[in-house]
Each structure stands twice: as structure tokens, then as C-alpha cells.
Amino acid sequence: MAGSALFNLMLDAWETPEKMRTVTTLFAAGGFLAFPLGLWGAAFLSQGKRAETAFAAAFVSFAVATIGVTAVLYAIQYRLYYAQWHADAFTVIWAFQIVFTGLAALYQFTVLGIRLFFPVGFVVLFIAALWFARRPH
């Protein structure tokens, strides 16, 4: 996933090398942490089923896990940045700020971040699902 993000950022001649490294690291961590979750989800959904079902389960599980974990990591980073302007911890205003900052981060990731998974990440997703479907269960 890091390669997919870096590929897209380089095509767009994006910002600075430091910001490219940050985004690439975020996508690498998201893919790394999501793989075991996606593998577990695929195994759970496809146990005792045919190879076609295993492929579909892996495709969906890996995609949802990768996008979800990367989005959460993005939201955490987003929150850390905006925390300097938030109210004191554990107040009602702070709780609202946490919730709405998180929702804004997830929306922004959905609009701007998911595109970094295409086209390279989609190919890797296809290959991972194919690998899962062909391995012995």
C-alpha cells in the first residue's frame, strides 16, 4: 500500500519529500496492521467454502481492513495535529472536538485518501485474494 501511495504522490508531483514520506509511512503502517485482520476476516468468511467464495471473501476482507485501518491511523494523526487547539481534556467541549475532528478526518480520508490505493493497490489486492483462494485451507 505504501508503494501505491508513493506512486500516486510522485505522479502528482506532490508537496515535499517529507510530506510524501509521512503519507507513504501512514499507508505502509495501515497495510501492515490490516493484513492480519483481513486474513482473519477472509478465513472466517470462507471456511469450508469453494475457491471462488474464498477469493471474494479475501478480496472484501483485505479491502475493508486496509481502508479501515489506514483511515483510523489517518484520523489519529489528524487528531494529534489539531489537539493543540482543542479544549482541556475530558471536558464536554473536548469530547465534541474529538468526535467531530475524527469524523472530519474520516471524511477527508474517504474523499482524498482512498484514491491513493488505485491502481497499484487494487492489483496487489487482487493478487492477495488470489493467493488466499489458492492456498490449502
N, C-alpha and C. Protein backbone atom coordinates (compact mmCIF):
# COMPACT_ATOMS: atom_id res chain seq x y z
N MET A 1 0.82 -1.18 0.00
CA MET A 1 0.00 0.00 0.00
C MET A 1 0.87 1.25 0.00
N ALA A 2 2.03 1.14 0.63
CA ALA A 2 2.95 2.27 0.62
C ALA A 2 3.42 2.56 -0.80
N GLY A 3 3.70 1.50 -1.56
CA GLY A 3 4.12 1.68 -2.95
C GLY A 3 3.03 2.32 -3.79
N SER A 4 1.80 1.95 -3.55
CA SER A 4 0.67 2.54 -4.28
C SER A 4 0.55 4.02 -3.96
N ALA A 5 0.63 4.37 -2.68
CA ALA A 5 0.54 5.77 -2.28
C ALA A 5 1.70 6.58 -2.86
N LEU A 6 2.91 6.04 -2.75
CA LEU A 6 4.09 6.75 -3.25
C LEU A 6 4.01 6.94 -4.76
N PHE A 7 3.57 5.92 -5.47
CA PHE A 7 3.41 6.01 -6.92
C PHE A 7 2.47 7.15 -7.29
N ASN A 8 1.33 7.23 -6.63
CA ASN A 8 0.37 8.29 -6.91
C ASN A 8 0.89 9.67 -6.52
N LEU A 9 1.57 9.75 -5.40
CA LEU A 9 2.10 11.04 -4.97
C LEU A 9 3.18 11.54 -5.92
N MET A 10 4.01 10.62 -6.42
CA MET A 10 5.05 11.02 -7.37
C MET A 10 4.44 11.45 -8.70
N LEU A 11 3.39 10.80 -9.13
CA LEU A 11 2.72 11.20 -10.37
C LEU A 11 2.12 12.59 -10.26
N ASP A 12 1.65 12.93 -9.07
CA ASP A 12 1.05 14.25 -8.85
C ASP A 12 2.08 15.32 -8.52
N ALA A 13 3.37 14.95 -8.45
CA ALA A 13 4.43 15.86 -8.02
C ALA A 13 4.02 16.53 -6.71
N TRP A 14 3.72 15.72 -5.73
CA TRP A 14 3.05 16.14 -4.52
C TRP A 14 3.96 16.78 -3.51
N GLU A 15 3.59 17.94 -3.05
CA GLU A 15 4.20 18.66 -1.93
C GLU A 15 5.71 18.50 -1.81
N THR A 16 6.15 18.10 -0.65
CA THR A 16 7.58 17.99 -0.36
C THR A 16 7.93 16.52 -0.10
N PRO A 17 9.21 16.18 -0.22
CA PRO A 17 9.61 14.80 0.08
C PRO A 17 9.25 14.38 1.51
N GLU A 18 9.32 15.29 2.45
CA GLU A 18 8.97 14.96 3.85
C GLU A 18 7.50 14.59 3.96
N LYS A 19 6.62 15.33 3.31
CA LYS A 19 5.19 15.02 3.37
C LYS A 19 4.88 13.73 2.61
N MET A 20 5.62 13.48 1.54
CA MET A 20 5.45 12.22 0.82
C MET A 20 5.85 11.04 1.70
N ARG A 21 6.93 11.20 2.45
CA ARG A 21 7.37 10.15 3.38
C ARG A 21 6.32 9.91 4.46
N THR A 22 5.74 10.96 4.97
CA THR A 22 4.72 10.82 6.02
C THR A 22 3.52 10.04 5.50
N VAL A 23 3.02 10.42 4.34
CA VAL A 23 1.85 9.73 3.77
C VAL A 23 2.19 8.29 3.42
N THR A 24 3.37 8.07 2.85
CA THR A 24 3.79 6.72 2.50
C THR A 24 3.92 5.85 3.75
N THR A 25 4.47 6.40 4.81
CA THR A 25 4.60 5.65 6.07
C THR A 25 3.22 5.33 6.65
N LEU A 26 2.31 6.27 6.56
CA LEU A 26 0.95 6.04 7.04
C LEU A 26 0.30 4.89 6.29
N PHE A 27 0.44 4.86 4.96
CA PHE A 27 -0.15 3.79 4.16
C PHE A 27 0.58 2.46 4.40
N ALA A 28 1.88 2.50 4.63
CA ALA A 28 2.62 1.27 4.95
C ALA A 28 2.13 0.68 6.27
N ALA A 29 2.00 1.52 7.27
CA ALA A 29 1.52 1.05 8.57
C ALA A 29 0.09 0.53 8.46
N GLY A 30 -0.74 1.21 7.71
CA GLY A 30 -2.11 0.76 7.51
C GLY A 30 -2.17 -0.61 6.86
N GLY A 31 -1.40 -0.82 5.82
CA GLY A 31 -1.37 -2.13 5.15
C GLY A 31 -0.79 -3.21 6.04
N PHE A 32 0.25 -2.88 6.78
CA PHE A 32 0.90 -3.85 7.66
C PHE A 32 -0.04 -4.29 8.78
N LEU A 33 -0.71 -3.35 9.40
CA LEU A 33 -1.61 -3.68 10.51
C LEU A 33 -2.91 -4.31 10.02
N ALA A 34 -3.31 -4.00 8.81
CA ALA A 34 -4.58 -4.51 8.29
C ALA A 34 -4.48 -5.94 7.79
N PHE A 35 -3.30 -6.37 7.36
CA PHE A 35 -3.18 -7.69 6.76
C PHE A 35 -3.66 -8.81 7.68
N PRO A 36 -3.23 -8.87 8.95
CA PRO A 36 -3.74 -9.95 9.82
C PRO A 36 -5.26 -9.88 10.02
N LEU A 37 -5.80 -8.68 10.11
CA LEU A 37 -7.25 -8.53 10.26
C LEU A 37 -7.98 -9.03 9.02
N GLY A 38 -7.47 -8.65 7.85
CA GLY A 38 -8.06 -9.10 6.61
C GLY A 38 -7.95 -10.60 6.44
N LEU A 39 -6.82 -11.15 6.83
CA LEU A 39 -6.61 -12.60 6.75
C LEU A 39 -7.58 -13.34 7.66
N TRP A 40 -7.75 -12.84 8.87
CA TRP A 40 -8.70 -13.44 9.79
C TRP A 40 -10.13 -13.35 9.24
N GLY A 41 -10.50 -12.17 8.73
CA GLY A 41 -11.83 -11.99 8.16
C GLY A 41 -12.09 -12.91 6.98
N ALA A 42 -11.11 -13.03 6.11
CA ALA A 42 -11.25 -13.90 4.94
C ALA A 42 -11.39 -15.36 5.37
N ALA A 43 -10.59 -15.78 6.34
CA ALA A 43 -10.67 -17.16 6.82
C ALA A 43 -12.02 -17.43 7.49
N PHE A 44 -12.49 -16.47 8.24
CA PHE A 44 -13.78 -16.61 8.91
C PHE A 44 -14.93 -16.71 7.90
N LEU A 45 -14.91 -15.85 6.90
CA LEU A 45 -15.99 -15.82 5.92
C LEU A 45 -15.97 -16.97 4.92
N SER A 46 -14.81 -17.57 4.74
CA SER A 46 -14.70 -18.58 3.69
C SER A 46 -14.48 -20.00 4.19
N GLN A 47 -14.56 -20.22 5.48
CA GLN A 47 -14.26 -21.56 6.00
C GLN A 47 -15.21 -22.60 5.41
N GLY A 48 -14.60 -23.61 4.81
CA GLY A 48 -15.35 -24.71 4.22
C GLY A 48 -16.02 -24.39 2.90
N LYS A 49 -15.69 -23.26 2.30
CA LYS A 49 -16.33 -22.86 1.06
C LYS A 49 -15.40 -23.12 -0.13
N ARG A 50 -15.95 -22.96 -1.33
CA ARG A 50 -15.17 -23.16 -2.56
C ARG A 50 -14.18 -22.02 -2.78
N ALA A 51 -13.28 -22.22 -3.73
CA ALA A 51 -12.22 -21.24 -4.01
C ALA A 51 -12.78 -19.89 -4.44
N GLU A 52 -13.88 -19.88 -5.19
CA GLU A 52 -14.48 -18.61 -5.63
C GLU A 52 -14.97 -17.80 -4.44
N THR A 53 -15.56 -18.49 -3.48
CA THR A 53 -16.03 -17.82 -2.26
C THR A 53 -14.85 -17.32 -1.44
N ALA A 54 -13.81 -18.13 -1.38
CA ALA A 54 -12.61 -17.72 -0.64
C ALA A 54 -11.99 -16.48 -1.27
N PHE A 55 -11.96 -16.43 -2.61
CA PHE A 55 -11.42 -15.26 -3.30
C PHE A 55 -12.24 -14.02 -2.97
N ALA A 56 -13.57 -14.13 -3.08
CA ALA A 56 -14.45 -12.99 -2.79
C ALA A 56 -14.31 -12.54 -1.34
N ALA A 57 -14.27 -13.50 -0.43
CA ALA A 57 -14.13 -13.16 0.99
C ALA A 57 -12.81 -12.46 1.26
N ALA A 58 -11.74 -12.95 0.65
CA ALA A 58 -10.43 -12.33 0.84
C ALA A 58 -10.39 -10.94 0.22
N PHE A 59 -10.95 -10.80 -0.96
CA PHE A 59 -10.96 -9.50 -1.64
C PHE A 59 -11.66 -8.45 -0.77
N VAL A 60 -12.84 -8.79 -0.28
CA VAL A 60 -13.60 -7.84 0.54
C VAL A 60 -12.91 -7.62 1.89
N SER A 61 -12.47 -8.69 2.52
CA SER A 61 -11.84 -8.57 3.85
C SER A 61 -10.57 -7.74 3.80
N PHE A 62 -9.71 -8.03 2.84
CA PHE A 62 -8.46 -7.26 2.73
C PHE A 62 -8.74 -5.79 2.40
N ALA A 63 -9.71 -5.54 1.52
CA ALA A 63 -10.03 -4.16 1.15
C ALA A 63 -10.59 -3.38 2.33
N VAL A 64 -11.56 -3.96 3.02
CA VAL A 64 -12.19 -3.27 4.15
C VAL A 64 -11.17 -3.05 5.27
N ALA A 65 -10.38 -4.07 5.58
CA ALA A 65 -9.40 -3.94 6.65
C ALA A 65 -8.35 -2.88 6.31
N THR A 66 -7.85 -2.90 5.09
CA THR A 66 -6.80 -1.95 4.71
C THR A 66 -7.31 -0.52 4.72
N ILE A 67 -8.46 -0.30 4.12
CA ILE A 67 -9.02 1.05 4.10
C ILE A 67 -9.38 1.48 5.52
N GLY A 68 -10.00 0.60 6.29
CA GLY A 68 -10.41 0.95 7.65
C GLY A 68 -9.25 1.28 8.57
N VAL A 69 -8.24 0.43 8.59
CA VAL A 69 -7.09 0.67 9.47
C VAL A 69 -6.32 1.92 9.05
N THR A 70 -6.13 2.10 7.76
CA THR A 70 -5.43 3.29 7.28
C THR A 70 -6.21 4.55 7.61
N ALA A 71 -7.53 4.50 7.48
CA ALA A 71 -8.37 5.64 7.82
C ALA A 71 -8.29 5.97 9.31
N VAL A 72 -8.27 4.96 10.15
CA VAL A 72 -8.16 5.19 11.60
C VAL A 72 -6.80 5.80 11.93
N LEU A 73 -5.74 5.29 11.33
CA LEU A 73 -4.41 5.87 11.56
C LEU A 73 -4.36 7.33 11.09
N TYR A 74 -5.01 7.61 9.96
CA TYR A 74 -5.08 8.98 9.46
C TYR A 74 -5.84 9.86 10.46
N ALA A 75 -6.95 9.34 10.99
CA ALA A 75 -7.74 10.11 11.96
C ALA A 75 -6.94 10.39 13.23
N ILE A 76 -6.14 9.43 13.66
CA ILE A 76 -5.30 9.63 14.84
C ILE A 76 -4.27 10.73 14.58
N GLN A 77 -3.63 10.67 13.43
CA GLN A 77 -2.63 11.69 13.08
C GLN A 77 -3.30 13.06 12.96
N TYR A 78 -4.46 13.09 12.37
CA TYR A 78 -5.24 14.32 12.20
C TYR A 78 -5.57 14.91 13.58
N ARG A 79 -6.01 14.06 14.48
CA ARG A 79 -6.35 14.49 15.84
C ARG A 79 -5.12 15.02 16.58
N LEU A 80 -3.98 14.34 16.42
CA LEU A 80 -2.76 14.81 17.08
C LEU A 80 -2.37 16.20 16.61
N TYR A 81 -2.59 16.47 15.34
CA TYR A 81 -2.26 17.79 14.81
C TYR A 81 -3.18 18.86 15.39
N TYR A 82 -4.48 18.60 15.40
CA TYR A 82 -5.44 19.60 15.85
C TYR A 82 -5.60 19.66 17.37
N ALA A 83 -4.99 18.75 18.10
CA ALA A 83 -5.12 18.72 19.56
C ALA A 83 -4.62 20.01 20.21
N GLN A 84 -3.69 20.68 19.58
CA GLN A 84 -3.13 21.90 20.18
C GLN A 84 -4.17 23.02 20.30
N TRP A 85 -5.24 22.94 19.52
CA TRP A 85 -6.29 23.96 19.57
C TRP A 85 -7.54 23.48 20.29
N HIS A 86 -7.53 22.27 20.81
CA HIS A 86 -8.70 21.72 21.49
C HIS A 86 -8.74 22.14 22.95
N ALA A 87 -9.93 22.01 23.52
CA ALA A 87 -10.14 22.37 24.92
C ALA A 87 -9.40 21.39 25.84
N ASP A 88 -9.43 21.67 27.12
CA ASP A 88 -8.80 20.80 28.10
C ASP A 88 -9.42 19.41 28.05
N ALA A 89 -8.59 18.41 28.33
CA ALA A 89 -9.02 17.02 28.23
C ALA A 89 -10.18 16.71 29.18
N PHE A 90 -11.04 15.83 28.70
CA PHE A 90 -12.16 15.27 29.47
C PHE A 90 -13.24 16.29 29.82
N THR A 91 -13.33 17.37 29.05
CA THR A 91 -14.45 18.29 29.20
C THR A 91 -15.47 17.97 28.12
N VAL A 92 -16.65 18.52 28.24
CA VAL A 92 -17.71 18.27 27.25
C VAL A 92 -17.28 18.83 25.88
N ILE A 93 -16.72 20.01 25.87
CA ILE A 93 -16.27 20.61 24.61
C ILE A 93 -15.19 19.75 23.97
N TRP A 94 -14.26 19.26 24.77
CA TRP A 94 -13.19 18.39 24.28
C TRP A 94 -13.77 17.13 23.64
N ALA A 95 -14.79 16.54 24.27
CA ALA A 95 -15.42 15.33 23.72
C ALA A 95 -16.04 15.62 22.36
N PHE A 96 -16.74 16.75 22.24
CA PHE A 96 -17.31 17.13 20.94
C PHE A 96 -16.19 17.34 19.92
N GLN A 97 -15.11 17.98 20.33
CA GLN A 97 -13.99 18.21 19.41
C GLN A 97 -13.37 16.90 18.96
N ILE A 98 -13.23 15.94 19.85
CA ILE A 98 -12.68 14.62 19.50
C ILE A 98 -13.57 13.96 18.45
N VAL A 99 -14.86 13.93 18.71
CA VAL A 99 -15.80 13.26 17.80
C VAL A 99 -15.81 13.93 16.44
N PHE A 100 -15.96 15.24 16.41
CA PHE A 100 -16.08 15.92 15.12
C PHE A 100 -14.75 16.01 14.37
N THR A 101 -13.64 16.06 15.09
CA THR A 101 -12.34 16.00 14.42
C THR A 101 -12.15 14.64 13.78
N GLY A 102 -12.51 13.59 14.49
CA GLY A 102 -12.42 12.23 13.94
C GLY A 102 -13.30 12.05 12.72
N LEU A 103 -14.54 12.53 12.80
CA LEU A 103 -15.45 12.41 11.66
C LEU A 103 -14.94 13.20 10.45
N ALA A 104 -14.41 14.39 10.71
CA ALA A 104 -13.85 15.20 9.61
C ALA A 104 -12.65 14.49 8.97
N ALA A 105 -11.82 13.87 9.80
CA ALA A 105 -10.66 13.14 9.28
C ALA A 105 -11.09 11.96 8.43
N LEU A 106 -12.08 11.21 8.90
CA LEU A 106 -12.56 10.06 8.12
C LEU A 106 -13.18 10.51 6.81
N TYR A 107 -13.92 11.61 6.83
CA TYR A 107 -14.49 12.15 5.59
C TYR A 107 -13.38 12.57 4.64
N GLN A 108 -12.41 13.29 5.16
CA GLN A 108 -11.30 13.75 4.31
C GLN A 108 -10.52 12.57 3.74
N PHE A 109 -10.30 11.54 4.53
CA PHE A 109 -9.61 10.36 4.03
C PHE A 109 -10.43 9.69 2.92
N THR A 110 -11.74 9.61 3.12
CA THR A 110 -12.61 9.00 2.12
C THR A 110 -12.53 9.76 0.81
N VAL A 111 -12.54 11.07 0.86
CA VAL A 111 -12.53 11.89 -0.35
C VAL A 111 -11.15 11.94 -0.99
N LEU A 112 -10.11 12.10 -0.18
CA LEU A 112 -8.78 12.32 -0.74
C LEU A 112 -7.82 11.13 -0.64
N GLY A 113 -8.00 10.28 0.36
CA GLY A 113 -7.02 9.24 0.61
C GLY A 113 -7.25 7.94 -0.13
N ILE A 114 -8.50 7.57 -0.35
CA ILE A 114 -8.78 6.27 -0.97
C ILE A 114 -8.21 6.21 -2.39
N ARG A 115 -8.16 7.32 -3.07
CA ARG A 115 -7.64 7.31 -4.44
C ARG A 115 -6.17 6.88 -4.51
N LEU A 116 -5.45 7.00 -3.40
CA LEU A 116 -4.05 6.60 -3.39
C LEU A 116 -3.87 5.09 -3.42
N PHE A 117 -4.96 4.34 -3.20
CA PHE A 117 -4.90 2.89 -3.30
C PHE A 117 -4.98 2.39 -4.74
N PHE A 118 -5.36 3.26 -5.67
CA PHE A 118 -5.54 2.85 -7.07
C PHE A 118 -4.43 3.42 -7.93
N PRO A 119 -3.96 2.76 -8.95
CA PRO A 119 -4.28 1.43 -9.44
C PRO A 119 -3.41 0.33 -8.81
N VAL A 120 -2.28 0.70 -8.24
CA VAL A 120 -1.33 -0.30 -7.74
C VAL A 120 -1.92 -1.12 -6.60
N GLY A 121 -2.55 -0.48 -5.65
CA GLY A 121 -3.14 -1.18 -4.52
C GLY A 121 -4.22 -2.16 -4.94
N PHE A 122 -4.98 -1.81 -5.96
CA PHE A 122 -6.03 -2.69 -6.46
C PHE A 122 -5.42 -3.97 -7.03
N VAL A 123 -4.32 -3.84 -7.74
CA VAL A 123 -3.63 -5.01 -8.30
C VAL A 123 -3.10 -5.89 -7.17
N VAL A 124 -2.50 -5.28 -6.15
CA VAL A 124 -1.99 -6.03 -5.01
C VAL A 124 -3.14 -6.71 -4.27
N LEU A 125 -4.26 -6.04 -4.15
CA LEU A 125 -5.43 -6.63 -3.52
C LEU A 125 -5.91 -7.86 -4.29
N PHE A 126 -5.94 -7.77 -5.59
CA PHE A 126 -6.34 -8.89 -6.43
C PHE A 126 -5.38 -10.07 -6.24
N ILE A 127 -4.08 -9.79 -6.24
CA ILE A 127 -3.08 -10.84 -6.07
C ILE A 127 -3.19 -11.49 -4.68
N ALA A 128 -3.40 -10.68 -3.64
CA ALA A 128 -3.54 -11.22 -2.28
C ALA A 128 -4.78 -12.11 -2.16
N ALA A 129 -5.88 -11.70 -2.78
CA ALA A 129 -7.10 -12.51 -2.75
C ALA A 129 -6.90 -13.80 -3.52
N LEU A 130 -6.20 -13.73 -4.64
CA LEU A 130 -5.91 -14.93 -5.42
C LEU A 130 -5.01 -15.88 -4.62
N TRP A 131 -4.00 -15.35 -3.96
CA TRP A 131 -3.12 -16.15 -3.11
C TRP A 131 -3.93 -16.85 -2.03
N PHE A 132 -4.83 -16.11 -1.39
CA PHE A 132 -5.64 -16.69 -0.31
C PHE A 132 -6.53 -17.81 -0.84
N ALA A 133 -7.16 -17.61 -1.99
CA ALA A 133 -8.08 -18.59 -2.55
C ALA A 133 -7.35 -19.86 -2.98
N ARG A 134 -6.10 -19.75 -3.39
CA ARG A 134 -5.36 -20.91 -3.89
C ARG A 134 -4.60 -21.67 -2.82
N ARG A 135 -4.44 -21.11 -1.68
CA ARG A 135 -3.69 -21.82 -0.63
C ARG A 135 -4.56 -22.89 -0.01
N PRO A 136 -3.93 -23.94 0.50
CA PRO A 136 -4.71 -25.00 1.14
C PRO A 136 -5.36 -24.51 2.42
N HIS A 137 -6.58 -24.91 2.65
CA HIS A 137 -7.30 -24.47 3.85
C HIS A 137 -7.27 -25.52 4.90
